[in-house]
Amino acid sequence: MATSFTLNPRAASGFQNASNYDAHRPSYPAEAVDKLLTHLGVANQKNARIIDLACGTGKFTELLAKRNEEFEVVGIEPHAEMREELVKKELRGVTVQDGDAGHMPVEDGWGDALITAQAFHWFATEESLKEIHRVLRPGATLGLIWNIEDYNSPKDYPATTNWEQKLKDIIAAHEDGYPRFRHLAWKQVFEKQQDTTPLQTLKDTFFHHMPTFSLPLGEENVKWTAWLSDETLWSRFATISHIANLEEGKKEEVRKEVYDALKGDGVERNAEGEVALHGVTYVVWTSRV
């Protein structure tokens, strides 16, 4: 698969089945979306210009398109298959572009806000922050949002149930060395903005003039519970990129481990036999300085 822009190879292969990703990845809670747009200053702002960076198949883009504000949205996505899934949806007020976090086909100062959903950990670099800074108008805002199931949460975050902890242990056992939300390394790019020194060399000059975003980051979260059949839960678990990247034999072993965990004690089920999956939607915001 060829793309015009840089795409992490683990993301390129892990999200290759774009239609499966779109079918099994969840949307975002209305409460979390409202919180994010309010903090970004675009809630109730008619025709606000929003850049949806790394928009994927449009799980978050769909929510923007449905809003009464009638946002003008530019969705940017380097993964061709995911981009094609989004284009098929023909969303109101949405233009879909091939691009990445370091090279956005957007003019300087165009955006009132830039949002990246479920993706910033892939490109949390100084280069990306500079490009995000470029496409936002002065005083505009940057928002990040992630749906994080208990089994995909940071190491020190306790899982609600023993079976979800078992799935979390499975994920930890198959780490591939690439940063995800759960590693929290994505925060470091913001913190590095403060690591400037007096002007002494051209290198110092570069860092002194590096575009910045306000600190501390604003952070909120919304807890949720989803009821899923065993099969649907496995399908959702299998869309995690480093699980999707496993060779088929190893993936089948993981599938059996997941189903075994669902047979253990403490699995809460409803009258339809669906499992209670717990998670949190994290909302992060900052403003262009």
C-alpha atoms as a PDB file:
ATOM      1  CA  MET A   1       0.000   0.000   0.000  1.00  0.00           C
ATOM      2  CA  ALA A   2       1.500   3.311  -1.059  1.00  0.00           C
ATOM      3  CA  THR A   3       0.676   6.653   0.492  1.00  0.00           C
ATOM      4  CA  SER A   4       1.920  10.140  -0.253  1.00  0.00           C
ATOM      5  CA  PHE A   5       2.714  10.889   3.369  1.00  0.00           C
ATOM      6  CA  THR A   6       4.520   9.299   6.288  1.00  0.00           C
ATOM      7  CA  LEU A   7       2.612   6.560   8.093  1.00  0.00           C
ATOM      8  CA  ASN A   8       3.939   4.478  10.963  1.00  0.00           C
ATOM      9  CA  PRO A   9       4.385   0.960   9.537  1.00  0.00           C
ATOM     10  CA  ARG A  10       2.692  -0.650  12.542  1.00  0.00           C
ATOM     11  CA  ALA A  11      -0.330   1.582  12.001  1.00  0.00           C
ATOM     12  CA  ALA A  12      -0.293   0.910   8.256  1.00  0.00           C
ATOM     13  CA  SER A  13      -0.515  -2.850   8.774  1.00  0.00           C
ATOM     14  CA  GLY A  14      -2.494  -2.860  12.012  1.00  0.00           C
ATOM     15  CA  PHE A  15      -5.325  -0.770  10.544  1.00  0.00           C
ATOM     16  CA  GLN A  16      -5.259  -2.299   7.057  1.00  0.00           C
ATOM     17  CA  ASN A  17      -8.720  -3.813   7.523  1.00  0.00           C
ATOM     18  CA  ALA A  18     -10.364  -0.406   7.666  1.00  0.00           C
ATOM     19  CA  SER A  19     -13.947  -1.639   7.365  1.00  0.00           C
ATOM     20  CA  ASN A  20     -13.404  -3.995  10.322  1.00  0.00           C
ATOM     21  CA  TYR A  21     -11.943  -1.137  12.340  1.00  0.00           C
ATOM     22  CA  ASP A  22     -14.919   1.056  11.507  1.00  0.00           C
ATOM     23  CA  ALA A  23     -17.394  -1.689  12.431  1.00  0.00           C
ATOM     24  CA  HIS A  24     -15.890  -2.606  15.806  1.00  0.00           C
ATOM     25  CA  ARG A  25     -14.276   0.535  17.190  1.00  0.00           C
ATOM     26  CA  PRO A  26     -16.712   2.539  19.334  1.00  0.00           C
ATOM     27  CA  SER A  27     -17.924   6.078  18.888  1.00  0.00           C
ATOM     28  CA  TYR A  28     -17.405   8.672  21.643  1.00  0.00           C
ATOM     29  CA  PRO A  29     -19.777   9.487  24.530  1.00  0.00           C
ATOM     30  CA  ALA A  30     -21.842  12.623  23.926  1.00  0.00           C
ATOM     31  CA  GLU A  31     -20.781  13.976  27.332  1.00  0.00           C
ATOM     32  CA  ALA A  32     -17.096  13.687  26.421  1.00  0.00           C
ATOM     33  CA  VAL A  33     -17.627  15.289  23.009  1.00  0.00           C
ATOM     34  CA  ASP A  34     -19.499  18.216  24.567  1.00  0.00           C
ATOM     35  CA  LYS A  35     -16.765  18.686  27.175  1.00  0.00           C
ATOM     36  CA  LEU A  36     -14.040  18.711  24.536  1.00  0.00           C
ATOM     37  CA  LEU A  37     -15.765  21.130  22.163  1.00  0.00           C
ATOM     38  CA  THR A  38     -16.632  23.440  25.054  1.00  0.00           C
ATOM     39  CA  HIS A  39     -13.043  23.503  26.309  1.00  0.00           C
ATOM     40  CA  LEU A  40     -11.862  24.147  22.748  1.00  0.00           C
ATOM     41  CA  GLY A  41     -14.167  27.149  22.496  1.00  0.00           C
ATOM     42  CA  VAL A  42     -16.037  25.930  19.406  1.00  0.00           C
ATOM     43  CA  ALA A  43     -19.233  24.624  21.017  1.00  0.00           C
ATOM     44  CA  ASN A  44     -22.114  26.788  19.773  1.00  0.00           C
ATOM     45  CA  GLN A  45     -19.753  28.593  17.360  1.00  0.00           C
ATOM     46  CA  LYS A  46     -21.517  28.547  14.001  1.00  0.00           C
ATOM     47  CA  ASN A  47     -19.365  27.419  11.062  1.00  0.00           C
ATOM     48  CA  ALA A  48     -16.210  27.120  13.154  1.00  0.00           C
ATOM     49  CA  ARG A  49     -13.303  25.672  11.176  1.00  0.00           C
ATOM     50  CA  ILE A  50     -12.058  22.372  12.580  1.00  0.00           C
ATOM     51  CA  ILE A  51      -9.198  20.171  11.416  1.00  0.00           C
ATOM     52  CA  ASP A  52      -9.732  16.495  12.259  1.00  0.00           C
ATOM     53  CA  LEU A  53      -6.160  15.185  12.127  1.00  0.00           C
ATOM     54  CA  ALA A  54      -5.631  11.437  11.652  1.00  0.00           C
ATOM     55  CA  CYS A  55      -9.389  11.156  11.204  1.00  0.00           C
ATOM     56  CA  GLY A  56      -9.219   7.475  10.196  1.00  0.00           C
ATOM     57  CA  THR A  57     -12.574   6.102   9.087  1.00  0.00           C
ATOM     58  CA  GLY A  58     -14.339   9.089  10.647  1.00  0.00           C
ATOM     59  CA  LYS A  59     -15.497   7.789  14.024  1.00  0.00           C
ATOM     60  CA  PHE A  60     -15.104  11.296  15.474  1.00  0.00           C
ATOM     61  CA  THR A  61     -15.660  13.144  12.176  1.00  0.00           C
ATOM     62  CA  GLU A  62     -19.218  11.785  12.051  1.00  0.00           C
ATOM     63  CA  LEU A  63     -19.990  13.435  15.379  1.00  0.00           C
ATOM     64  CA  LEU A  64     -18.652  16.791  14.189  1.00  0.00           C
ATOM     65  CA  ALA A  65     -20.715  16.578  11.003  1.00  0.00           C
ATOM     66  CA  LYS A  66     -23.933  15.989  12.971  1.00  0.00           C
ATOM     67  CA  ARG A  67     -23.507  19.048  15.195  1.00  0.00           C
ATOM     68  CA  ASN A  68     -25.890  21.997  14.950  1.00  0.00           C
ATOM     69  CA  GLU A  69     -22.919  24.363  14.622  1.00  0.00           C
ATOM     70  CA  GLU A  70     -22.491  23.185  11.003  1.00  0.00           C
ATOM     71  CA  PHE A  71     -18.732  23.083  11.373  1.00  0.00           C
ATOM     72  CA  GLU A  72     -16.458  23.362   8.358  1.00  0.00           C
ATOM     73  CA  VAL A  73     -14.285  20.274   8.785  1.00  0.00           C
ATOM     74  CA  VAL A  74     -11.107  19.192   7.021  1.00  0.00           C
ATOM     75  CA  GLY A  75     -10.325  15.551   7.767  1.00  0.00           C
ATOM     76  CA  ILE A  76      -6.680  14.586   7.222  1.00  0.00           C
ATOM     77  CA  GLU A  77      -5.620  10.940   7.061  1.00  0.00           C
ATOM     78  CA  PRO A  78      -2.537   9.223   5.525  1.00  0.00           C
ATOM     79  CA  HIS A  79      -3.972   5.675   5.560  1.00  0.00           C
ATOM     80  CA  ALA A  80      -5.590   5.182   2.145  1.00  0.00           C
ATOM     81  CA  GLU A  81      -8.025   2.436   3.143  1.00  0.00           C
ATOM     82  CA  MET A  82      -9.254   4.339   6.190  1.00  0.00           C
ATOM     83  CA  ARG A  83      -9.598   7.506   4.171  1.00  0.00           C
ATOM     84  CA  GLU A  84     -11.697   5.667   1.589  1.00  0.00           C
ATOM     85  CA  GLU A  85     -14.072   4.433   4.315  1.00  0.00           C
ATOM     86  CA  LEU A  86     -14.600   8.013   5.447  1.00  0.00           C
ATOM     87  CA  VAL A  87     -15.146   9.352   1.934  1.00  0.00           C
ATOM     88  CA  LYS A  88     -17.911   6.773   1.404  1.00  0.00           C
ATOM     89  CA  LYS A  89     -19.892   8.331   4.274  1.00  0.00           C
ATOM     90  CA  GLU A  90     -20.321  11.639   2.377  1.00  0.00           C
ATOM     91  CA  LEU A  91     -20.522  13.653   5.592  1.00  0.00           C
ATOM     92  CA  ARG A  92     -21.994  17.144   5.567  1.00  0.00           C
ATOM     93  CA  GLY A  93     -19.420  19.933   5.647  1.00  0.00           C
ATOM     94  CA  VAL A  94     -16.449  17.547   5.582  1.00  0.00           C
ATOM     95  CA  THR A  95     -13.558  17.616   3.117  1.00  0.00           C
ATOM     96  CA  VAL A  96     -11.198  14.628   3.274  1.00  0.00           C
ATOM     97  CA  GLN A  97      -7.511  15.111   2.453  1.00  0.00           C
ATOM     98  CA  ASP A  98      -4.429  12.894   2.163  1.00  0.00           C
ATOM     99  CA  GLY A  99      -1.853  14.185   4.639  1.00  0.00           C
ATOM    100  CA  ASP A 100      -0.148  13.578   7.958  1.00  0.00           C
ATOM    101  CA  ALA A 101       0.725  15.431  11.144  1.00  0.00           C
ATOM    102  CA  GLY A 102       3.930  16.812   9.660  1.00  0.00           C
ATOM    103  CA  HIS A 103       2.447  17.809   6.298  1.00  0.00           C
ATOM    104  CA  MET A 104      -1.109  19.112   6.305  1.00  0.00           C
ATOM    105  CA  PRO A 105      -2.639  20.474   3.081  1.00  0.00           C
ATOM    106  CA  VAL A 106      -4.138  23.396   5.004  1.00  0.00           C
ATOM    107  CA  GLU A 107      -3.202  27.068   4.761  1.00  0.00           C
ATOM    108  CA  ASP A 108      -1.508  28.949   7.586  1.00  0.00           C
ATOM    109  CA  GLY A 109      -3.846  30.000  10.399  1.00  0.00           C
ATOM    110  CA  TRP A 110      -6.932  28.355   8.880  1.00  0.00           C
ATOM    111  CA  GLY A 111      -8.274  26.418  11.859  1.00  0.00           C
ATOM    112  CA  ASP A 112     -10.235  27.552  14.891  1.00  0.00           C
ATOM    113  CA  ALA A 113      -9.477  24.168  16.459  1.00  0.00           C
ATOM    114  CA  LEU A 114      -7.614  20.980  15.631  1.00  0.00           C
ATOM    115  CA  ILE A 115      -8.759  17.664  17.077  1.00  0.00           C
ATOM    116  CA  THR A 116      -7.080  14.311  16.916  1.00  0.00           C
ATOM    117  CA  ALA A 117      -9.061  11.306  18.117  1.00  0.00           C
ATOM    118  CA  GLN A 118      -7.461   8.027  19.159  1.00  0.00           C
ATOM    119  CA  ALA A 119      -4.209   8.889  17.388  1.00  0.00           C
ATOM    120  CA  PHE A 120      -1.912  11.557  18.861  1.00  0.00           C
ATOM    121  CA  HIS A 121       0.390   8.939  20.417  1.00  0.00           C
ATOM    122  CA  TRP A 122       1.464   7.935  16.879  1.00  0.00           C
ATOM    123  CA  PHE A 123       2.929  11.367  16.081  1.00  0.00           C
ATOM    124  CA  ALA A 124       3.677  13.140  19.366  1.00  0.00           C
ATOM    125  CA  THR A 125       6.745  14.974  18.019  1.00  0.00           C
ATOM    126  CA  GLU A 126       8.087  18.525  17.871  1.00  0.00           C
ATOM    127  CA  GLU A 127       7.645  18.439  14.099  1.00  0.00           C
ATOM    128  CA  SER A 128       3.944  17.672  14.502  1.00  0.00           C
ATOM    129  CA  LEU A 129       3.430  20.410  17.100  1.00  0.00           C
ATOM    130  CA  LYS A 130       5.063  22.934  14.771  1.00  0.00           C
ATOM    131  CA  GLU A 131       2.774  21.913  11.913  1.00  0.00           C
ATOM    132  CA  ILE A 132      -0.313  21.968  14.151  1.00  0.00           C
ATOM    133  CA  HIS A 133       0.740  25.430  15.329  1.00  0.00           C
ATOM    134  CA  ARG A 134       1.069  26.575  11.701  1.00  0.00           C
ATOM    135  CA  VAL A 135      -2.454  25.605  10.614  1.00  0.00           C
ATOM    136  CA  LEU A 136      -4.174  27.148  13.655  1.00  0.00           C
ATOM    137  CA  ARG A 137      -5.013  30.838  13.980  1.00  0.00           C
ATOM    138  CA  PRO A 138      -3.587  32.721  16.995  1.00  0.00           C
ATOM    139  CA  GLY A 139      -5.564  31.765  20.091  1.00  0.00           C
ATOM    140  CA  ALA A 140      -6.985  28.633  18.487  1.00  0.00           C
ATOM    141  CA  THR A 141      -7.063  25.329  20.349  1.00  0.00           C
ATOM    142  CA  LEU A 142      -5.791  21.766  20.146  1.00  0.00           C
ATOM    143  CA  GLY A 143      -7.898  18.865  21.457  1.00  0.00           C
ATOM    144  CA  LEU A 144      -7.054  15.208  22.000  1.00  0.00           C
ATOM    145  CA  ILE A 145      -9.527  12.449  22.791  1.00  0.00           C
ATOM    146  CA  TRP A 146      -9.149   8.723  23.389  1.00  0.00           C
ATOM    147  CA  ASN A 147     -11.552   5.894  24.184  1.00  0.00           C
ATOM    148  CA  ILE A 148      -9.591   3.624  26.510  1.00  0.00           C
ATOM    149  CA  GLU A 149     -10.961   0.273  27.618  1.00  0.00           C
ATOM    150  CA  ASP A 150      -9.752  -0.983  31.000  1.00  0.00           C
ATOM    151  CA  TYR A 151      -7.724  -3.657  29.223  1.00  0.00           C
ATOM    152  CA  ASN A 152      -5.881  -1.032  27.153  1.00  0.00           C
ATOM    153  CA  SER A 153      -5.225   1.488  29.942  1.00  0.00           C
ATOM    154  CA  PRO A 154      -1.853   2.590  31.393  1.00  0.00           C
ATOM    155  CA  LYS A 155      -0.023   0.014  33.499  1.00  0.00           C
ATOM    156  CA  ASP A 156      -0.706   1.704  36.838  1.00  0.00           C
ATOM    157  CA  TYR A 157      -4.437   2.209  36.193  1.00  0.00           C
ATOM    158  CA  PRO A 158      -6.417  -0.529  37.979  1.00  0.00           C
ATOM    159  CA  ALA A 159      -8.797  -2.619  35.897  1.00  0.00           C
ATOM    160  CA  THR A 160     -12.373  -2.840  37.159  1.00  0.00           C
ATOM    161  CA  THR A 161     -12.485  -6.649  37.049  1.00  0.00           C
ATOM    162  CA  ASN A 162     -10.092  -9.596  37.125  1.00  0.00           C
ATOM    163  CA  TRP A 163     -10.967 -10.673  33.576  1.00  0.00           C
ATOM    164  CA  GLU A 164     -10.232  -7.189  32.226  1.00  0.00           C
ATOM    165  CA  GLN A 165      -6.885  -7.300  34.049  1.00  0.00           C
ATOM    166  CA  LYS A 166      -6.173 -10.631  32.322  1.00  0.00           C
ATOM    167  CA  LEU A 167      -6.798  -8.996  28.943  1.00  0.00           C
ATOM    168  CA  LYS A 168      -4.565  -6.127  30.007  1.00  0.00           C
ATOM    169  CA  ASP A 169      -1.825  -8.644  30.824  1.00  0.00           C
ATOM    170  CA  ILE A 170      -2.256 -10.179  27.349  1.00  0.00           C
ATOM    171  CA  ILE A 171      -1.689  -6.772  25.760  1.00  0.00           C
ATOM    172  CA  ALA A 172       1.405  -6.201  27.911  1.00  0.00           C
ATOM    173  CA  ALA A 173       2.798  -9.593  26.888  1.00  0.00           C
ATOM    174  CA  HIS A 174       2.655  -8.652  23.201  1.00  0.00           C
ATOM    175  CA  GLU A 175       4.078  -5.124  23.309  1.00  0.00           C
ATOM    176  CA  ASP A 176       5.812  -4.192  20.044  1.00  0.00           C
ATOM    177  CA  GLY A 177       7.915  -1.264  21.232  1.00  0.00           C
ATOM    178  CA  TYR A 178       5.786   1.478  19.675  1.00  0.00           C
ATOM    179  CA  PRO A 179       4.179   4.121  21.904  1.00  0.00           C
ATOM    180  CA  ARG A 180       0.425   3.971  22.498  1.00  0.00           C
ATOM    181  CA  PHE A 181      -1.805   6.077  24.733  1.00  0.00           C
ATOM    182  CA  ARG A 182      -1.276   3.655  27.621  1.00  0.00           C
ATOM    183  CA  HIS A 183       2.452   4.473  27.754  1.00  0.00           C
ATOM    184  CA  LEU A 184       1.676   8.197  28.314  1.00  0.00           C
ATOM    185  CA  ALA A 185       4.840   9.145  26.389  1.00  0.00           C
ATOM    186  CA  TRP A 186       2.747  11.480  24.216  1.00  0.00           C
ATOM    187  CA  LYS A 187       2.713  14.027  27.075  1.00  0.00           C
ATOM    188  CA  GLN A 188       6.466  14.497  26.858  1.00  0.00           C
ATOM    189  CA  VAL A 189       6.347  16.575  23.663  1.00  0.00           C
ATOM    190  CA  PHE A 190       4.407  19.274  25.509  1.00  0.00           C
ATOM    191  CA  GLU A 191       6.690  19.144  28.526  1.00  0.00           C
ATOM    192  CA  LYS A 192       9.779  19.555  26.310  1.00  0.00           C
ATOM    193  CA  GLN A 193       8.564  23.003  25.322  1.00  0.00           C
ATOM    194  CA  GLN A 194       9.911  24.200  28.672  1.00  0.00           C
ATOM    195  CA  ASP A 195      13.372  22.750  28.039  1.00  0.00           C
ATOM    196  CA  THR A 196      14.736  25.921  26.431  1.00  0.00           C
ATOM    197  CA  THR A 197      18.125  27.456  27.211  1.00  0.00           C
ATOM    198  CA  PRO A 198      19.649  30.913  26.731  1.00  0.00           C
ATOM    199  CA  LEU A 199      20.466  31.779  23.126  1.00  0.00           C
ATOM    200  CA  GLN A 200      24.016  30.720  22.443  1.00  0.00           C
ATOM    201  CA  THR A 201      23.989  28.749  19.183  1.00  0.00           C
ATOM    202  CA  LEU A 202      21.822  28.288  16.148  1.00  0.00           C
ATOM    203  CA  LYS A 203      20.456  25.172  17.843  1.00  0.00           C
ATOM    204  CA  ASP A 204      19.458  27.247  20.848  1.00  0.00           C
ATOM    205  CA  THR A 205      17.782  29.731  18.549  1.00  0.00           C
ATOM    206  CA  PHE A 206      15.730  26.955  16.955  1.00  0.00           C
ATOM    207  CA  PHE A 207      14.452  25.679  20.291  1.00  0.00           C
ATOM    208  CA  HIS A 208      13.859  29.176  21.619  1.00  0.00           C
ATOM    209  CA  HIS A 209      11.548  29.909  18.699  1.00  0.00           C
ATOM    210  CA  MET A 210       9.814  26.532  18.689  1.00  0.00           C
ATOM    211  CA  PRO A 211       6.014  27.033  18.568  1.00  0.00           C
ATOM    212  CA  THR A 212       4.372  26.381  21.909  1.00  0.00           C
ATOM    213  CA  PHE A 213       1.053  25.349  23.394  1.00  0.00           C
ATOM    214  CA  SER A 214      -0.225  26.359  26.808  1.00  0.00           C
ATOM    215  CA  LEU A 215       0.533  24.323  29.911  1.00  0.00           C
ATOM    216  CA  PRO A 216      -0.629  22.670  32.028  1.00  0.00           C
ATOM    217  CA  LEU A 217      -2.756  20.591  29.692  1.00  0.00           C
ATOM    218  CA  GLY A 218      -6.444  20.550  30.503  1.00  0.00           C
ATOM    219  CA  GLU A 219      -7.643  17.029  31.250  1.00  0.00           C
ATOM    220  CA  GLU A 220     -11.017  15.421  31.992  1.00  0.00           C
ATOM    221  CA  ASN A 221     -12.461  11.955  31.650  1.00  0.00           C
ATOM    222  CA  VAL A 222     -15.829  10.286  31.289  1.00  0.00           C
ATOM    223  CA  LYS A 223     -16.349   6.731  32.520  1.00  0.00           C
ATOM    224  CA  TRP A 224     -18.591   4.334  30.595  1.00  0.00           C
ATOM    225  CA  THR A 225     -19.744   0.729  30.392  1.00  0.00           C
ATOM    226  CA  ALA A 226     -20.465  -1.071  27.120  1.00  0.00           C
ATOM    227  CA  TRP A 227     -22.382  -4.348  26.866  1.00  0.00           C
ATOM    228  CA  LEU A 228     -20.892  -6.663  24.253  1.00  0.00           C
ATOM    229  CA  SER A 229     -21.263 -10.268  23.194  1.00  0.00           C
ATOM    230  CA  ASP A 230     -18.148 -12.412  23.559  1.00  0.00           C
ATOM    231  CA  GLU A 231     -17.683 -12.366  19.779  1.00  0.00           C
ATOM    232  CA  THR A 232     -18.071  -8.600  19.519  1.00  0.00           C
ATOM    233  CA  LEU A 233     -15.687  -8.050  22.422  1.00  0.00           C
ATOM    234  CA  TRP A 234     -13.051 -10.195  20.720  1.00  0.00           C
ATOM    235  CA  SER A 235     -13.572  -8.322  17.437  1.00  0.00           C
ATOM    236  CA  ARG A 236     -13.043  -5.037  19.256  1.00  0.00           C
ATOM    237  CA  PHE A 237      -9.975  -6.335  21.109  1.00  0.00           C
ATOM    238  CA  ALA A 238      -8.527  -7.590  17.819  1.00  0.00           C
ATOM    239  CA  THR A 239      -8.603  -4.089  16.283  1.00  0.00           C
ATOM    240  CA  ILE A 240      -5.821  -2.986  18.657  1.00  0.00           C
ATOM    241  CA  SER A 241      -2.985  -2.475  16.193  1.00  0.00           C
ATOM    242  CA  HIS A 242      -0.332  -4.669  17.792  1.00  0.00           C
ATOM    243  CA  ILE A 243      -2.860  -7.489  18.240  1.00  0.00           C
ATOM    244  CA  ALA A 244      -4.005  -7.101  14.629  1.00  0.00           C
ATOM    245  CA  ASN A 245      -0.348  -7.311  13.562  1.00  0.00           C
ATOM    246  CA  LEU A 246       0.206 -10.748  15.153  1.00  0.00           C
ATOM    247  CA  GLU A 247       0.704 -13.668  12.811  1.00  0.00           C
ATOM    248  CA  GLU A 248      -2.420 -15.791  12.495  1.00  0.00           C
ATOM    249  CA  GLY A 249      -1.223 -18.648  14.696  1.00  0.00           C
ATOM    250  CA  LYS A 250      -0.296 -16.323  17.539  1.00  0.00           C
ATOM    251  CA  LYS A 251      -3.507 -14.348  17.108  1.00  0.00           C
ATOM    252  CA  GLU A 252      -5.529 -17.548  17.475  1.00  0.00           C
ATOM    253  CA  GLU A 253      -3.709 -18.276  20.742  1.00  0.00           C
ATOM    254  CA  VAL A 254      -4.620 -14.791  21.972  1.00  0.00           C
ATOM    255  CA  ARG A 255      -8.234 -15.290  20.919  1.00  0.00           C
ATOM    256  CA  LYS A 256      -8.415 -18.444  23.060  1.00  0.00           C
ATOM    257  CA  GLU A 257      -6.884 -16.609  26.021  1.00  0.00           C
ATOM    258  CA  VAL A 258      -9.520 -13.883  25.713  1.00  0.00           C
ATOM    259  CA  TYR A 259     -12.382 -16.384  25.570  1.00  0.00           C
ATOM    260  CA  ASP A 260     -10.927 -18.283  28.535  1.00  0.00           C
ATOM    261  CA  ALA A 261     -10.829 -15.043  30.538  1.00  0.00           C
ATOM    262  CA  LEU A 262     -14.514 -14.512  29.749  1.00  0.00           C
ATOM    263  CA  LYS A 263     -15.303 -17.861  31.377  1.00  0.00           C
ATOM    264  CA  GLY A 264     -13.767 -16.846  34.708  1.00  0.00           C
ATOM    265  CA  ASP A 265     -15.334 -15.513  37.865  1.00  0.00           C
ATOM    266  CA  GLY A 266     -16.494 -11.918  38.128  1.00  0.00           C
ATOM    267  CA  VAL A 267     -17.678 -11.525  34.536  1.00  0.00           C
ATOM    268  CA  GLU A 268     -20.858  -9.438  34.710  1.00  0.00           C
ATOM    269  CA  ARG A 269     -23.481 -10.328  32.087  1.00  0.00           C
ATOM    270  CA  ASN A 270     -26.906  -8.913  31.290  1.00  0.00           C
ATOM    271  CA  ALA A 271     -30.078 -10.862  30.416  1.00  0.00           C
ATOM    272  CA  GLU A 272     -28.870 -11.217  26.815  1.00  0.00           C
ATOM    273  CA  GLY A 273     -25.582 -12.751  27.961  1.00  0.00           C
ATOM    274  CA  GLU A 274     -23.549  -9.687  26.999  1.00  0.00           C
ATOM    275  CA  VAL A 275     -20.437  -8.792  28.987  1.00  0.00           C
ATOM    276  CA  ALA A 276     -19.986  -5.475  30.832  1.00  0.00           C
ATOM    277  CA  LEU A 277     -16.856  -3.838  29.394  1.00  0.00           C
ATOM    278  CA  HIS A 278     -15.537  -0.863  31.370  1.00  0.00           C
ATOM    279  CA  GLY A 279     -13.597   2.085  30.068  1.00  0.00           C
ATOM    280  CA  VAL A 280     -12.916   5.800  30.115  1.00  0.00           C
ATOM    281  CA  THR A 281     -12.887   8.503  27.462  1.00  0.00           C
ATOM    282  CA  TYR A 282      -9.992  10.910  28.053  1.00  0.00           C
ATOM    283  CA  VAL A 283     -10.281  14.502  26.902  1.00  0.00           C
ATOM    284  CA  VAL A 284      -7.214  16.762  26.696  1.00  0.00           C
ATOM    285  CA  TRP A 285      -6.983  20.360  25.526  1.00  0.00           C
ATOM    286  CA  THR A 286      -4.529  23.207  25.162  1.00  0.00           C
ATOM    287  CA  SER A 287      -4.291  26.468  23.218  1.00  0.00           C
ATOM    288  CA  ARG A 288      -1.914  27.877  20.639  1.00  0.00           C
ATOM    289  CA  VAL A 289       0.494  30.365  22.202  1.00  0.00           C
END
